[in-house]
Amino acid sequence: MIEKTLSRPTTTPHNFIVLQQYKPDKSVTGHACQLCSKHVACHTIAFYDDLRASMKYAILKVPQAEIEEFLWKKVVREQSRNEYKIHATLHACPSCLDKIIQEASGEGIVSLHYFAAVVANPEISLIIGRYLSDPYRPVAVFTTARTIHEFISELKEQDQVSQQRKRNSTDH
């Protein structure tokens, strides 16, 4: 795998950048999968990175590295202003969703965990993002937060607890 050399902005209220959210969605059941058109959709994918701009630049034959750089800067800029804009939503069947989660997370096991988790709790969703401190490694997080803002608040709270524990351990 080729390591990319992107310049990453470092201003955000939180170190985690949300890229996609995957969740079961009964409201789309009965509709065709927007990816393969063969199977019935029962999951929704929300893209916080600008999927449409990506496709537009790809059609214009802009190099992939430049597209990724532009999209990364745009999503970091938006989320640094506490704006979590959904740029595109797709409805997917389990087969297509499995492939997309594997591609986004870089690990096949994440999609298996997702499918097991939604059976146990249909309110759960999977967030895939990246930490600014390690921008080349996708991170998968399961949550029952109802909104992205709730999710970010939970992450901030966890970070504060973690930092407090570190301070307490160095004090002793």
C-alpha atoms as a PDB file:
ATOM      1  CA  MET A   1       0.000   0.000   0.000  1.00  0.00           C
ATOM      2  CA  ILE A   2       1.350   3.426  -0.956  1.00  0.00           C
ATOM      3  CA  GLU A   3       1.547   5.894   1.929  1.00  0.00           C
ATOM      4  CA  LYS A   4       0.069   9.238   0.970  1.00  0.00           C
ATOM      5  CA  THR A   5       1.703  12.503   1.926  1.00  0.00           C
ATOM      6  CA  LEU A   6      -1.170  14.878   2.555  1.00  0.00           C
ATOM      7  CA  SER A   7      -0.822  18.085   4.485  1.00  0.00           C
ATOM      8  CA  ARG A   8      -3.376  17.852   7.272  1.00  0.00           C
ATOM      9  CA  PRO A   9      -4.967  20.878   8.951  1.00  0.00           C
ATOM     10  CA  THR A  10      -4.771  20.617  12.719  1.00  0.00           C
ATOM     11  CA  THR A  11      -7.570  22.872  13.948  1.00  0.00           C
ATOM     12  CA  THR A  12     -10.720  21.202  15.176  1.00  0.00           C
ATOM     13  CA  PRO A  13     -12.676  21.273  18.420  1.00  0.00           C
ATOM     14  CA  HIS A  14     -11.999  17.569  18.668  1.00  0.00           C
ATOM     15  CA  ASN A  15      -9.262  15.410  17.274  1.00  0.00           C
ATOM     16  CA  PHE A  16     -11.735  13.028  15.553  1.00  0.00           C
ATOM     17  CA  ILE A  17     -13.014  13.713  12.043  1.00  0.00           C
ATOM     18  CA  VAL A  18     -16.252  11.926  11.087  1.00  0.00           C
ATOM     19  CA  LEU A  19     -16.195  10.625   7.509  1.00  0.00           C
ATOM     20  CA  GLN A  20     -19.086   8.162   7.246  1.00  0.00           C
ATOM     21  CA  GLN A  21     -21.948   6.843   9.362  1.00  0.00           C
ATOM     22  CA  TYR A  22     -23.611   3.491   8.724  1.00  0.00           C
ATOM     23  CA  LYS A  23     -26.921   2.464  10.273  1.00  0.00           C
ATOM     24  CA  PRO A  24     -29.868   0.178   9.708  1.00  0.00           C
ATOM     25  CA  ASP A  25     -32.834   2.005   8.237  1.00  0.00           C
ATOM     26  CA  LYS A  26     -36.285   0.429   8.071  1.00  0.00           C
ATOM     27  CA  SER A  27     -37.651   3.413   6.126  1.00  0.00           C
ATOM     28  CA  VAL A  28     -35.687   2.364   3.019  1.00  0.00           C
ATOM     29  CA  THR A  29     -36.653  -1.316   3.208  1.00  0.00           C
ATOM     30  CA  GLY A  30     -38.398  -2.213  -0.009  1.00  0.00           C
ATOM     31  CA  HIS A  31     -36.342   0.216  -2.099  1.00  0.00           C
ATOM     32  CA  ALA A  32     -33.556  -0.987  -4.350  1.00  0.00           C
ATOM     33  CA  CYS A  33     -29.950  -0.659  -3.252  1.00  0.00           C
ATOM     34  CA  GLN A  34     -28.553   2.518  -4.793  1.00  0.00           C
ATOM     35  CA  LEU A  35     -25.226   0.824  -5.424  1.00  0.00           C
ATOM     36  CA  CYS A  36     -26.088  -2.449  -7.154  1.00  0.00           C
ATOM     37  CA  SER A  37     -29.815  -1.966  -7.946  1.00  0.00           C
ATOM     38  CA  LYS A  38     -30.238  -5.757  -7.551  1.00  0.00           C
ATOM     39  CA  HIS A  39     -31.010  -6.163  -3.878  1.00  0.00           C
ATOM     40  CA  VAL A  40     -33.265  -4.491  -1.339  1.00  0.00           C
ATOM     41  CA  ALA A  41     -31.732  -1.663   0.698  1.00  0.00           C
ATOM     42  CA  CYS A  42     -32.006  -1.784   4.485  1.00  0.00           C
ATOM     43  CA  HIS A  43     -29.061   0.387   5.572  1.00  0.00           C
ATOM     44  CA  THR A  44     -28.191   4.049   5.147  1.00  0.00           C
ATOM     45  CA  ILE A  45     -24.715   5.480   4.658  1.00  0.00           C
ATOM     46  CA  ALA A  46     -24.205   9.168   5.447  1.00  0.00           C
ATOM     47  CA  PHE A  47     -21.100  10.739   3.910  1.00  0.00           C
ATOM     48  CA  TYR A  48     -19.606  13.663   5.814  1.00  0.00           C
ATOM     49  CA  ASP A  49     -16.839  13.951   3.248  1.00  0.00           C
ATOM     50  CA  ASP A  50     -18.017  15.422  -0.057  1.00  0.00           C
ATOM     51  CA  LEU A  51     -18.725  12.365  -2.213  1.00  0.00           C
ATOM     52  CA  ARG A  52     -20.210  14.435  -5.039  1.00  0.00           C
ATOM     53  CA  ALA A  53     -17.138  16.691  -5.265  1.00  0.00           C
ATOM     54  CA  SER A  54     -14.981  13.575  -5.313  1.00  0.00           C
ATOM     55  CA  MET A  55     -16.891  12.190  -8.288  1.00  0.00           C
ATOM     56  CA  LYS A  56     -16.819  15.564 -10.074  1.00  0.00           C
ATOM     57  CA  TYR A  57     -13.030  15.864  -9.714  1.00  0.00           C
ATOM     58  CA  ALA A  58     -12.524  12.231 -10.739  1.00  0.00           C
ATOM     59  CA  ILE A  59     -14.495  12.862 -13.940  1.00  0.00           C
ATOM     60  CA  LEU A  60     -12.264  15.890 -14.589  1.00  0.00           C
ATOM     61  CA  LYS A  61      -9.280  13.518 -14.192  1.00  0.00           C
ATOM     62  CA  VAL A  62      -7.850  15.320 -11.157  1.00  0.00           C
ATOM     63  CA  PRO A  63      -5.236  13.027  -9.545  1.00  0.00           C
ATOM     64  CA  GLN A  64      -6.657  10.957  -6.671  1.00  0.00           C
ATOM     65  CA  ALA A  65      -4.126  12.332  -4.163  1.00  0.00           C
ATOM     66  CA  GLU A  66      -5.269  15.907  -4.930  1.00  0.00           C
ATOM     67  CA  ILE A  67      -8.924  14.904  -4.590  1.00  0.00           C
ATOM     68  CA  GLU A  68      -8.246  13.311  -1.202  1.00  0.00           C
ATOM     69  CA  GLU A  69      -6.284  16.371  -0.066  1.00  0.00           C
ATOM     70  CA  PHE A  70      -9.117  18.723  -1.069  1.00  0.00           C
ATOM     71  CA  LEU A  71     -11.821  16.561   0.538  1.00  0.00           C
ATOM     72  CA  TRP A  72      -9.841  16.115   3.755  1.00  0.00           C
ATOM     73  CA  LYS A  73      -9.220  19.864   4.118  1.00  0.00           C
ATOM     74  CA  LYS A  74     -12.881  20.600   3.430  1.00  0.00           C
ATOM     75  CA  VAL A  75     -14.243  18.146   6.022  1.00  0.00           C
ATOM     76  CA  VAL A  76     -11.704  19.257   8.639  1.00  0.00           C
ATOM     77  CA  ARG A  77     -12.600  22.907   7.989  1.00  0.00           C
ATOM     78  CA  GLU A  78     -16.333  22.166   8.335  1.00  0.00           C
ATOM     79  CA  GLN A  79     -15.964  20.088  11.485  1.00  0.00           C
ATOM     80  CA  SER A  80     -13.561  22.583  13.067  1.00  0.00           C
ATOM     81  CA  ARG A  81     -16.526  24.987  12.956  1.00  0.00           C
ATOM     82  CA  ASN A  82     -18.665  22.270  14.579  1.00  0.00           C
ATOM     83  CA  GLU A  83     -20.495  21.736  11.270  1.00  0.00           C
ATOM     84  CA  TYR A  84     -21.249  18.094  10.551  1.00  0.00           C
ATOM     85  CA  LYS A  85     -22.753  18.342   7.091  1.00  0.00           C
ATOM     86  CA  ILE A  86     -24.016  15.220   5.357  1.00  0.00           C
ATOM     87  CA  HIS A  87     -22.923  15.671   1.744  1.00  0.00           C
ATOM     88  CA  ALA A  88     -24.565  12.513   0.422  1.00  0.00           C
ATOM     89  CA  THR A  89     -26.732   9.669   1.637  1.00  0.00           C
ATOM     90  CA  LEU A  90     -26.902   6.263   0.001  1.00  0.00           C
ATOM     91  CA  HIS A  91     -29.202   3.354   0.734  1.00  0.00           C
ATOM     92  CA  ALA A  92     -27.473  -0.007   0.533  1.00  0.00           C
ATOM     93  CA  CYS A  93     -28.149  -3.710   0.703  1.00  0.00           C
ATOM     94  CA  PRO A  94     -26.113  -5.797   3.174  1.00  0.00           C
ATOM     95  CA  SER A  95     -23.775  -7.089   0.453  1.00  0.00           C
ATOM     96  CA  CYS A  96     -22.836  -3.638  -0.853  1.00  0.00           C
ATOM     97  CA  LEU A  97     -22.645  -2.225   2.670  1.00  0.00           C
ATOM     98  CA  ASP A  98     -20.210  -4.986   3.628  1.00  0.00           C
ATOM     99  CA  LYS A  99     -17.900  -4.001   0.754  1.00  0.00           C
ATOM    100  CA  ILE A 100     -18.081  -0.283   1.553  1.00  0.00           C
ATOM    101  CA  ILE A 101     -17.371  -0.778   5.259  1.00  0.00           C
ATOM    102  CA  GLN A 102     -14.410  -3.002   4.403  1.00  0.00           C
ATOM    103  CA  GLU A 103     -13.043  -0.385   2.010  1.00  0.00           C
ATOM    104  CA  ALA A 104     -13.582   2.518   4.430  1.00  0.00           C
ATOM    105  CA  SER A 105     -12.236   0.729   7.504  1.00  0.00           C
ATOM    106  CA  GLY A 106      -9.494  -1.280   5.832  1.00  0.00           C
ATOM    107  CA  GLU A 107     -10.595  -4.337   7.809  1.00  0.00           C
ATOM    108  CA  GLY A 108     -13.139  -7.013   6.925  1.00  0.00           C
ATOM    109  CA  ILE A 109     -13.869  -7.784  10.557  1.00  0.00           C
ATOM    110  CA  VAL A 110     -15.470  -4.350  11.087  1.00  0.00           C
ATOM    111  CA  SER A 111     -18.403  -5.168   8.827  1.00  0.00           C
ATOM    112  CA  LEU A 112     -18.917  -8.486  10.633  1.00  0.00           C
ATOM    113  CA  HIS A 113     -19.016  -6.620  13.947  1.00  0.00           C
ATOM    114  CA  TYR A 114     -21.463  -4.112  12.458  1.00  0.00           C
ATOM    115  CA  PHE A 115     -23.907  -6.780  11.297  1.00  0.00           C
ATOM    116  CA  ALA A 116     -23.712  -8.583  14.646  1.00  0.00           C
ATOM    117  CA  ALA A 117     -24.186  -5.307  16.559  1.00  0.00           C
ATOM    118  CA  VAL A 118     -27.290  -4.196  14.657  1.00  0.00           C
ATOM    119  CA  VAL A 119     -28.935  -7.564  15.268  1.00  0.00           C
ATOM    120  CA  ALA A 120     -28.338  -7.133  18.987  1.00  0.00           C
ATOM    121  CA  ASN A 121     -29.340  -3.440  18.978  1.00  0.00           C
ATOM    122  CA  PRO A 122     -31.002  -1.902  15.893  1.00  0.00           C
ATOM    123  CA  GLU A 123     -30.338   1.587  17.342  1.00  0.00           C
ATOM    124  CA  ILE A 124     -26.582   1.214  16.969  1.00  0.00           C
ATOM    125  CA  SER A 125     -24.617   2.883  14.216  1.00  0.00           C
ATOM    126  CA  LEU A 126     -21.050   2.651  12.993  1.00  0.00           C
ATOM    127  CA  ILE A 127     -18.969   5.787  12.574  1.00  0.00           C
ATOM    128  CA  ILE A 128     -15.801   5.675  10.525  1.00  0.00           C
ATOM    129  CA  GLY A 129     -13.428   8.572  10.838  1.00  0.00           C
ATOM    130  CA  ARG A 130      -9.828   9.475  11.486  1.00  0.00           C
ATOM    131  CA  TYR A 131      -7.928  11.148  14.274  1.00  0.00           C
ATOM    132  CA  LEU A 132      -5.900  14.176  13.254  1.00  0.00           C
ATOM    133  CA  SER A 133      -3.018  12.731  15.246  1.00  0.00           C
ATOM    134  CA  ASP A 134      -3.022   9.603  13.031  1.00  0.00           C
ATOM    135  CA  PRO A 135      -4.787  10.641   9.808  1.00  0.00           C
ATOM    136  CA  TYR A 136      -3.809   7.605   7.750  1.00  0.00           C
ATOM    137  CA  ARG A 137      -5.495   5.081  10.021  1.00  0.00           C
ATOM    138  CA  PRO A 138      -9.279   4.757   9.768  1.00  0.00           C
ATOM    139  CA  VAL A 139     -11.041   4.295  13.097  1.00  0.00           C
ATOM    140  CA  ALA A 140     -14.362   2.477  13.498  1.00  0.00           C
ATOM    141  CA  VAL A 141     -16.553   3.421  16.463  1.00  0.00           C
ATOM    142  CA  PHE A 142     -19.912   1.929  17.402  1.00  0.00           C
ATOM    143  CA  THR A 143     -22.387   4.248  19.085  1.00  0.00           C
ATOM    144  CA  THR A 144     -25.999   4.550  20.123  1.00  0.00           C
ATOM    145  CA  ALA A 145     -25.807   8.360  20.067  1.00  0.00           C
ATOM    146  CA  ARG A 146     -28.810   9.712  18.192  1.00  0.00           C
ATOM    147  CA  THR A 147     -26.901  12.557  16.539  1.00  0.00           C
ATOM    148  CA  ILE A 148     -23.345  13.243  15.462  1.00  0.00           C
ATOM    149  CA  HIS A 149     -23.187  16.084  17.990  1.00  0.00           C
ATOM    150  CA  GLU A 150     -24.102  13.606  20.774  1.00  0.00           C
ATOM    151  CA  PHE A 151     -21.404  11.275  19.470  1.00  0.00           C
ATOM    152  CA  ILE A 152     -18.770  14.041  19.467  1.00  0.00           C
ATOM    153  CA  SER A 153     -19.824  15.025  23.002  1.00  0.00           C
ATOM    154  CA  GLU A 154     -19.340  11.413  24.111  1.00  0.00           C
ATOM    155  CA  LEU A 155     -15.859  11.350  22.548  1.00  0.00           C
ATOM    156  CA  LYS A 156     -14.912  14.628  24.244  1.00  0.00           C
ATOM    157  CA  GLU A 157     -16.128  13.264  27.570  1.00  0.00           C
ATOM    158  CA  GLN A 158     -14.112  10.066  27.087  1.00  0.00           C
ATOM    159  CA  ASP A 159     -11.042  12.145  26.214  1.00  0.00           C
ATOM    160  CA  GLN A 160     -11.467  14.251  29.363  1.00  0.00           C
ATOM    161  CA  VAL A 161     -11.767  11.126  31.518  1.00  0.00           C
ATOM    162  CA  SER A 162      -8.713   9.620  29.819  1.00  0.00           C
ATOM    163  CA  GLN A 163      -6.687  12.809  30.324  1.00  0.00           C
ATOM    164  CA  GLN A 164      -7.747  12.989  33.971  1.00  0.00           C
ATOM    165  CA  ARG A 165      -6.632   9.376  34.479  1.00  0.00           C
ATOM    166  CA  LYS A 166      -3.252  10.177  32.903  1.00  0.00           C
ATOM    167  CA  ARG A 167      -2.823  13.200  35.175  1.00  0.00           C
ATOM    168  CA  ASN A 168      -3.808  11.155  38.214  1.00  0.00           C
ATOM    169  CA  SER A 169      -1.369   8.365  37.315  1.00  0.00           C
ATOM    170  CA  THR A 170       1.529  10.821  36.934  1.00  0.00           C
ATOM    171  CA  ASP A 171       0.652  12.529  40.232  1.00  0.00           C
ATOM    172  CA  HIS A 172       1.207   9.331  42.192  1.00  0.00           C
END
